[in-house]
Amino acid sequence: MDGHGNPELRIEGYAGTKLLLVRRFCSDRSRDRLWLELDEARLRADGTDSTRLAFGVVDRFGGPRPFVQGDVTLEVDGPANLVGDNPFSLKESGGSGAVWVKSIAGRSGVVEIRASHDLFKPQSAVLHVF
């Protein structure tokens, strides 16, 4: 393959004749997207509970894009605070990053975290503080 036409790569993993794993990667960057994921969906409203929010850019199959540049800007709406760089530069972090989301003591409710990047559609994640 010479890379012409944005080829896709499929890797299959076998144990003997049994297919155990399939991974796919796409060279077409037009379908890349911003990815955002919380480790936990709920926090206690004690002011110390927190969870990691991971984000980055992936191809159409979820494969990482380690050479993406630019900043991811995060916005929080609800009873929580971000702990970490905001905006977060992807250039020096291999196209992905993470921050912490920490509850606020005595405040419960729904938290929406929005992530944006100049090249990709914004994404959001929801967290419940109780």
N, C-alpha and C. Protein backbone atom coordinates (compact mmCIF):
# COMPACT_ATOMS: atom_id res chain seq x y z
N MET A 1 0.84 -1.19 0.00
CA MET A 1 0.00 0.00 0.00
C MET A 1 0.87 1.24 0.00
N ASP A 2 0.46 2.23 -0.74
CA ASP A 2 1.21 3.48 -0.76
C ASP A 2 0.52 4.58 0.04
N GLY A 3 -0.58 4.27 0.71
CA GLY A 3 -1.30 5.26 1.50
C GLY A 3 -2.28 6.08 0.70
N HIS A 4 -2.36 5.82 -0.59
CA HIS A 4 -3.25 6.55 -1.47
C HIS A 4 -4.71 6.18 -1.16
N GLY A 5 -5.57 7.16 -1.11
CA GLY A 5 -7.00 6.88 -0.93
C GLY A 5 -7.41 6.66 0.50
N ASN A 6 -6.62 7.06 1.47
CA ASN A 6 -6.97 6.94 2.89
C ASN A 6 -7.33 5.51 3.29
N PRO A 7 -6.39 4.59 3.21
CA PRO A 7 -6.69 3.19 3.53
C PRO A 7 -6.99 2.99 5.01
N GLU A 8 -7.64 1.88 5.29
CA GLU A 8 -7.91 1.46 6.66
C GLU A 8 -7.08 0.22 6.95
N LEU A 9 -6.70 0.07 8.20
CA LEU A 9 -5.92 -1.08 8.64
C LEU A 9 -6.76 -1.90 9.59
N ARG A 10 -6.78 -3.20 9.38
CA ARG A 10 -7.49 -4.13 10.27
C ARG A 10 -6.47 -5.14 10.77
N ILE A 11 -6.37 -5.27 12.08
CA ILE A 11 -5.46 -6.22 12.70
C ILE A 11 -6.30 -7.23 13.47
N GLU A 12 -6.05 -8.51 13.22
CA GLU A 12 -6.78 -9.57 13.90
C GLU A 12 -5.81 -10.37 14.76
N GLY A 13 -6.24 -10.65 15.98
CA GLY A 13 -5.43 -11.46 16.89
C GLY A 13 -6.08 -12.81 17.12
N TYR A 14 -5.29 -13.86 16.94
CA TYR A 14 -5.80 -15.23 17.07
C TYR A 14 -5.03 -15.99 18.14
N ALA A 15 -5.71 -16.93 18.78
CA ALA A 15 -5.08 -17.96 19.59
C ALA A 15 -5.44 -19.26 18.89
N GLY A 16 -4.48 -19.81 18.22
CA GLY A 16 -4.78 -20.97 17.37
C GLY A 16 -5.65 -20.50 16.22
N THR A 17 -6.85 -21.08 16.12
CA THR A 17 -7.77 -20.67 15.06
C THR A 17 -8.89 -19.77 15.58
N LYS A 18 -8.87 -19.46 16.88
CA LYS A 18 -9.93 -18.65 17.48
C LYS A 18 -9.58 -17.16 17.41
N LEU A 19 -10.46 -16.38 16.79
CA LEU A 19 -10.29 -14.93 16.71
C LEU A 19 -10.59 -14.32 18.07
N LEU A 20 -9.62 -13.64 18.67
CA LEU A 20 -9.79 -13.05 19.99
C LEU A 20 -9.93 -11.53 19.99
N LEU A 21 -9.34 -10.88 19.00
CA LEU A 21 -9.31 -9.43 19.02
C LEU A 21 -9.24 -8.88 17.61
N VAL A 22 -9.97 -7.80 17.37
CA VAL A 22 -9.89 -7.09 16.10
C VAL A 22 -9.71 -5.61 16.41
N ARG A 23 -8.70 -4.99 15.82
CA ARG A 23 -8.47 -3.54 15.95
C ARG A 23 -8.46 -2.95 14.56
N ARG A 24 -9.10 -1.81 14.42
CA ARG A 24 -9.14 -1.12 13.14
C ARG A 24 -8.63 0.30 13.32
N PHE A 25 -7.95 0.80 12.30
CA PHE A 25 -7.42 2.15 12.29
C PHE A 25 -7.74 2.78 10.94
N CYS A 26 -7.95 4.08 10.94
CA CYS A 26 -8.33 4.79 9.72
C CYS A 26 -7.35 5.92 9.45
N SER A 27 -6.86 6.02 8.22
CA SER A 27 -5.94 7.10 7.88
C SER A 27 -6.68 8.37 7.43
N ASP A 28 -7.99 8.29 7.24
CA ASP A 28 -8.79 9.44 6.81
C ASP A 28 -9.05 10.34 8.02
N ARG A 29 -8.37 11.47 8.07
CA ARG A 29 -8.49 12.38 9.22
C ARG A 29 -9.79 13.20 9.20
N SER A 30 -10.54 13.16 8.12
CA SER A 30 -11.78 13.93 8.04
C SER A 30 -12.85 13.40 8.99
N ARG A 31 -12.69 12.18 9.47
CA ARG A 31 -13.67 11.59 10.39
C ARG A 31 -13.15 11.52 11.82
N ASP A 32 -12.03 12.18 12.09
CA ASP A 32 -11.51 12.24 13.46
C ASP A 32 -12.49 13.00 14.35
N ARG A 33 -12.41 12.73 15.65
CA ARG A 33 -13.33 13.38 16.58
C ARG A 33 -12.66 13.58 17.93
N LEU A 34 -13.22 14.49 18.68
CA LEU A 34 -12.80 14.71 20.05
C LEU A 34 -13.45 13.65 20.93
N TRP A 35 -12.68 13.06 21.80
CA TRP A 35 -13.14 11.99 22.69
C TRP A 35 -13.05 12.50 24.13
N LEU A 36 -14.04 12.17 24.95
CA LEU A 36 -14.14 12.66 26.32
C LEU A 36 -14.76 11.56 27.18
N GLU A 37 -14.12 11.24 28.32
CA GLU A 37 -14.65 10.17 29.16
C GLU A 37 -14.30 10.38 30.63
N LEU A 38 -15.30 10.22 31.49
CA LEU A 38 -15.11 10.27 32.94
C LEU A 38 -14.84 8.86 33.48
N ASP A 39 -13.95 8.74 34.46
CA ASP A 39 -13.74 7.43 35.09
C ASP A 39 -14.94 7.02 35.93
N GLU A 40 -15.58 7.98 36.59
CA GLU A 40 -16.76 7.71 37.42
C GLU A 40 -17.88 8.65 37.01
N ALA A 41 -19.12 8.21 37.15
CA ALA A 41 -20.27 9.03 36.77
C ALA A 41 -20.92 9.70 37.98
N ARG A 42 -20.43 9.37 39.19
CA ARG A 42 -21.02 9.93 40.42
C ARG A 42 -19.91 10.33 41.39
N LEU A 43 -20.15 11.44 42.08
CA LEU A 43 -19.26 11.90 43.14
C LEU A 43 -20.07 12.23 44.38
N ARG A 44 -19.45 12.08 45.53
CA ARG A 44 -20.06 12.52 46.79
C ARG A 44 -19.81 14.02 46.94
N ALA A 45 -20.80 14.74 47.45
CA ALA A 45 -20.70 16.20 47.61
C ALA A 45 -19.98 16.54 48.91
N ASP A 46 -18.79 15.95 49.10
CA ASP A 46 -18.05 16.20 50.34
C ASP A 46 -16.87 17.15 50.16
N GLY A 47 -16.66 17.61 48.94
CA GLY A 47 -15.57 18.54 48.69
C GLY A 47 -14.21 17.88 48.48
N THR A 48 -14.15 16.56 48.65
CA THR A 48 -12.88 15.86 48.43
C THR A 48 -12.97 14.79 47.35
N ASP A 49 -14.17 14.33 47.07
CA ASP A 49 -14.33 13.28 46.07
C ASP A 49 -14.03 13.85 44.68
N SER A 50 -13.36 13.05 43.87
CA SER A 50 -13.00 13.51 42.52
C SER A 50 -12.92 12.33 41.57
N THR A 51 -12.91 12.64 40.29
CA THR A 51 -12.75 11.62 39.25
C THR A 51 -11.92 12.21 38.12
N ARG A 52 -11.30 11.34 37.38
CA ARG A 52 -10.48 11.77 36.24
C ARG A 52 -11.35 11.94 35.01
N LEU A 53 -11.09 13.01 34.26
CA LEU A 53 -11.72 13.26 32.98
C LEU A 53 -10.63 13.16 31.92
N ALA A 54 -10.71 12.13 31.09
CA ALA A 54 -9.72 11.92 30.03
C ALA A 54 -10.30 12.41 28.72
N PHE A 55 -9.44 12.91 27.83
CA PHE A 55 -9.89 13.43 26.55
C PHE A 55 -8.77 13.34 25.53
N GLY A 56 -9.14 13.44 24.29
CA GLY A 56 -8.15 13.42 23.22
C GLY A 56 -8.83 13.37 21.87
N VAL A 57 -8.04 13.12 20.85
CA VAL A 57 -8.56 13.02 19.49
C VAL A 57 -8.34 11.60 19.01
N VAL A 58 -9.38 11.02 18.39
CA VAL A 58 -9.34 9.64 17.91
C VAL A 58 -9.85 9.57 16.48
N ASP A 59 -9.49 8.47 15.80
CA ASP A 59 -10.01 8.25 14.45
C ASP A 59 -11.43 7.68 14.53
N ARG A 60 -12.00 7.35 13.40
CA ARG A 60 -13.40 6.89 13.39
C ARG A 60 -13.62 5.59 14.15
N PHE A 61 -12.54 4.83 14.39
CA PHE A 61 -12.66 3.57 15.14
C PHE A 61 -12.25 3.73 16.60
N GLY A 62 -11.87 4.93 17.01
CA GLY A 62 -11.44 5.15 18.38
C GLY A 62 -9.94 5.02 18.58
N GLY A 63 -9.19 4.87 17.49
CA GLY A 63 -7.74 4.79 17.58
C GLY A 63 -7.15 6.17 17.84
N PRO A 64 -6.15 6.27 18.69
CA PRO A 64 -5.59 7.57 19.06
C PRO A 64 -4.89 8.27 17.89
N ARG A 65 -4.94 9.58 17.92
CA ARG A 65 -4.22 10.44 16.97
C ARG A 65 -3.15 11.20 17.77
N PRO A 66 -1.96 10.63 17.91
CA PRO A 66 -0.96 11.20 18.82
C PRO A 66 -0.31 12.49 18.34
N PHE A 67 -0.49 12.89 17.09
CA PHE A 67 0.20 14.08 16.60
C PHE A 67 -0.72 15.29 16.42
N VAL A 68 -1.90 15.24 17.01
CA VAL A 68 -2.83 16.37 16.94
C VAL A 68 -2.30 17.50 17.81
N GLN A 69 -2.46 18.71 17.32
CA GLN A 69 -2.04 19.89 18.08
C GLN A 69 -3.26 20.72 18.42
N GLY A 70 -3.03 21.81 19.11
CA GLY A 70 -4.11 22.69 19.51
C GLY A 70 -4.49 22.46 20.95
N ASP A 71 -5.44 23.27 21.41
CA ASP A 71 -5.87 23.22 22.81
C ASP A 71 -7.28 22.65 22.94
N VAL A 72 -7.49 21.89 24.00
CA VAL A 72 -8.83 21.49 24.41
C VAL A 72 -9.22 22.43 25.54
N THR A 73 -10.35 23.10 25.37
CA THR A 73 -10.87 24.00 26.39
C THR A 73 -12.06 23.33 27.06
N LEU A 74 -12.06 23.37 28.39
CA LEU A 74 -13.09 22.69 29.17
C LEU A 74 -13.95 23.72 29.91
N GLU A 75 -15.26 23.46 29.95
CA GLU A 75 -16.20 24.30 30.69
C GLU A 75 -17.01 23.40 31.61
N VAL A 76 -17.21 23.84 32.84
CA VAL A 76 -17.98 23.07 33.81
C VAL A 76 -19.22 23.86 34.19
N ASP A 77 -20.36 23.19 34.13
CA ASP A 77 -21.62 23.79 34.56
C ASP A 77 -22.20 22.87 35.64
N GLY A 78 -22.19 23.33 36.89
CA GLY A 78 -22.71 22.53 37.99
C GLY A 78 -21.75 22.54 39.16
N PRO A 79 -22.09 21.77 40.22
CA PRO A 79 -21.35 21.82 41.48
C PRO A 79 -20.05 21.00 41.49
N ALA A 80 -19.09 21.45 40.68
CA ALA A 80 -17.78 20.79 40.64
C ALA A 80 -16.75 21.78 40.10
N ASN A 81 -15.50 21.50 40.38
CA ASN A 81 -14.38 22.30 39.89
C ASN A 81 -13.41 21.43 39.13
N LEU A 82 -12.72 22.03 38.15
CA LEU A 82 -11.65 21.34 37.44
C LEU A 82 -10.34 21.55 38.18
N VAL A 83 -9.53 20.50 38.19
CA VAL A 83 -8.17 20.58 38.74
C VAL A 83 -7.24 20.13 37.62
N GLY A 84 -6.47 21.06 37.06
CA GLY A 84 -5.57 20.75 35.96
C GLY A 84 -5.52 21.89 34.97
N ASP A 85 -4.76 21.70 33.92
CA ASP A 85 -4.59 22.73 32.90
C ASP A 85 -5.87 22.94 32.10
N ASN A 86 -6.24 24.19 31.93
CA ASN A 86 -7.40 24.53 31.14
C ASN A 86 -7.21 25.94 30.59
N PRO A 87 -6.99 26.09 29.27
CA PRO A 87 -7.01 25.04 28.25
C PRO A 87 -5.82 24.08 28.37
N PHE A 88 -5.98 22.91 27.78
CA PHE A 88 -4.99 21.85 27.82
C PHE A 88 -4.37 21.70 26.44
N SER A 89 -3.05 21.84 26.34
CA SER A 89 -2.36 21.72 25.06
C SER A 89 -2.13 20.26 24.70
N LEU A 90 -2.62 19.85 23.52
CA LEU A 90 -2.43 18.48 23.06
C LEU A 90 -1.06 18.27 22.43
N LYS A 91 -0.41 19.32 22.02
CA LYS A 91 0.86 19.23 21.31
C LYS A 91 1.92 18.47 22.11
N GLU A 92 2.02 18.77 23.39
CA GLU A 92 3.07 18.16 24.21
C GLU A 92 2.62 16.91 24.94
N SER A 93 1.40 16.47 24.70
CA SER A 93 0.88 15.32 25.45
C SER A 93 0.49 14.15 24.57
N GLY A 94 0.88 14.16 23.31
CA GLY A 94 0.58 13.02 22.44
C GLY A 94 -0.86 12.93 22.00
N GLY A 95 -1.56 14.06 21.93
CA GLY A 95 -2.92 14.06 21.41
C GLY A 95 -3.99 13.68 22.41
N SER A 96 -3.62 13.52 23.69
CA SER A 96 -4.61 13.20 24.72
C SER A 96 -4.17 13.83 26.03
N GLY A 97 -5.09 13.88 26.96
CA GLY A 97 -4.77 14.46 28.26
C GLY A 97 -5.83 14.11 29.29
N ALA A 98 -5.69 14.68 30.48
CA ALA A 98 -6.65 14.43 31.54
C ALA A 98 -6.57 15.55 32.56
N VAL A 99 -7.69 15.77 33.22
CA VAL A 99 -7.77 16.67 34.37
C VAL A 99 -8.61 15.95 35.42
N TRP A 100 -8.69 16.54 36.59
CA TRP A 100 -9.55 16.00 37.64
C TRP A 100 -10.78 16.88 37.78
N VAL A 101 -11.90 16.25 38.11
CA VAL A 101 -13.13 16.97 38.42
C VAL A 101 -13.43 16.68 39.88
N LYS A 102 -13.53 17.75 40.67
CA LYS A 102 -13.68 17.61 42.13
C LYS A 102 -15.01 18.19 42.58
N SER A 103 -15.67 17.49 43.48
CA SER A 103 -16.95 17.97 44.01
C SER A 103 -16.74 19.21 44.89
N ILE A 104 -17.82 19.95 45.10
CA ILE A 104 -17.82 21.10 46.00
C ILE A 104 -18.61 20.69 47.24
N ALA A 105 -18.03 20.91 48.42
CA ALA A 105 -18.66 20.48 49.68
C ALA A 105 -20.06 21.06 49.83
N GLY A 106 -21.01 20.16 50.12
CA GLY A 106 -22.37 20.57 50.41
C GLY A 106 -23.22 20.92 49.21
N ARG A 107 -22.69 20.78 48.01
CA ARG A 107 -23.47 21.11 46.82
C ARG A 107 -23.68 19.87 45.97
N SER A 108 -24.92 19.53 45.72
CA SER A 108 -25.23 18.36 44.91
C SER A 108 -25.93 18.81 43.63
N GLY A 109 -26.00 17.91 42.67
CA GLY A 109 -26.67 18.22 41.41
C GLY A 109 -25.97 17.58 40.24
N VAL A 110 -26.39 18.00 39.05
CA VAL A 110 -25.84 17.47 37.81
C VAL A 110 -24.75 18.42 37.31
N VAL A 111 -23.65 17.82 36.88
CA VAL A 111 -22.52 18.58 36.34
C VAL A 111 -22.38 18.21 34.86
N GLU A 112 -22.34 19.21 34.00
CA GLU A 112 -22.04 18.98 32.59
C GLU A 112 -20.67 19.57 32.30
N ILE A 113 -19.82 18.77 31.69
CA ILE A 113 -18.49 19.22 31.30
C ILE A 113 -18.44 19.21 29.78
N ARG A 114 -18.11 20.35 29.21
CA ARG A 114 -18.02 20.48 27.76
C ARG A 114 -16.56 20.66 27.36
N ALA A 115 -16.17 19.97 26.31
CA ALA A 115 -14.81 20.07 25.78
C ALA A 115 -14.90 20.57 24.35
N SER A 116 -14.02 21.52 24.01
CA SER A 116 -14.00 22.03 22.65
C SER A 116 -12.57 22.15 22.14
N HIS A 117 -12.44 22.06 20.83
CA HIS A 117 -11.17 22.18 20.11
C HIS A 117 -11.51 22.86 18.79
N ASP A 118 -10.63 23.68 18.30
CA ASP A 118 -10.90 24.44 17.08
C ASP A 118 -11.23 23.58 15.86
N LEU A 119 -10.74 22.35 15.81
CA LEU A 119 -10.91 21.52 14.62
C LEU A 119 -12.03 20.47 14.70
N PHE A 120 -12.61 20.29 15.90
CA PHE A 120 -13.54 19.18 16.07
C PHE A 120 -14.84 19.63 16.73
N LYS A 121 -15.88 18.84 16.52
CA LYS A 121 -17.17 19.10 17.15
C LYS A 121 -17.03 18.97 18.67
N PRO A 122 -17.61 19.91 19.43
CA PRO A 122 -17.53 19.81 20.91
C PRO A 122 -18.17 18.53 21.42
N GLN A 123 -17.70 18.08 22.57
CA GLN A 123 -18.24 16.88 23.23
C GLN A 123 -18.58 17.25 24.67
N SER A 124 -19.43 16.46 25.29
CA SER A 124 -19.77 16.71 26.69
C SER A 124 -19.89 15.41 27.45
N ALA A 125 -19.76 15.54 28.77
CA ALA A 125 -19.92 14.41 29.68
C ALA A 125 -20.75 14.89 30.86
N VAL A 126 -21.51 13.98 31.47
CA VAL A 126 -22.38 14.32 32.59
C VAL A 126 -21.94 13.54 33.82
N LEU A 127 -21.95 14.26 34.94
CA LEU A 127 -21.53 13.71 36.23
C LEU A 127 -22.59 14.07 37.25
N HIS A 128 -22.90 13.16 38.16
CA HIS A 128 -23.90 13.42 39.20
C HIS A 128 -23.19 13.53 40.54
N VAL A 129 -23.47 14.61 41.25
CA VAL A 129 -22.90 14.83 42.58
C VAL A 129 -24.04 14.69 43.57
N PHE A 130 -23.85 13.83 44.58
CA PHE A 130 -24.93 13.55 45.55
C PHE A 130 -24.43 13.67 46.97
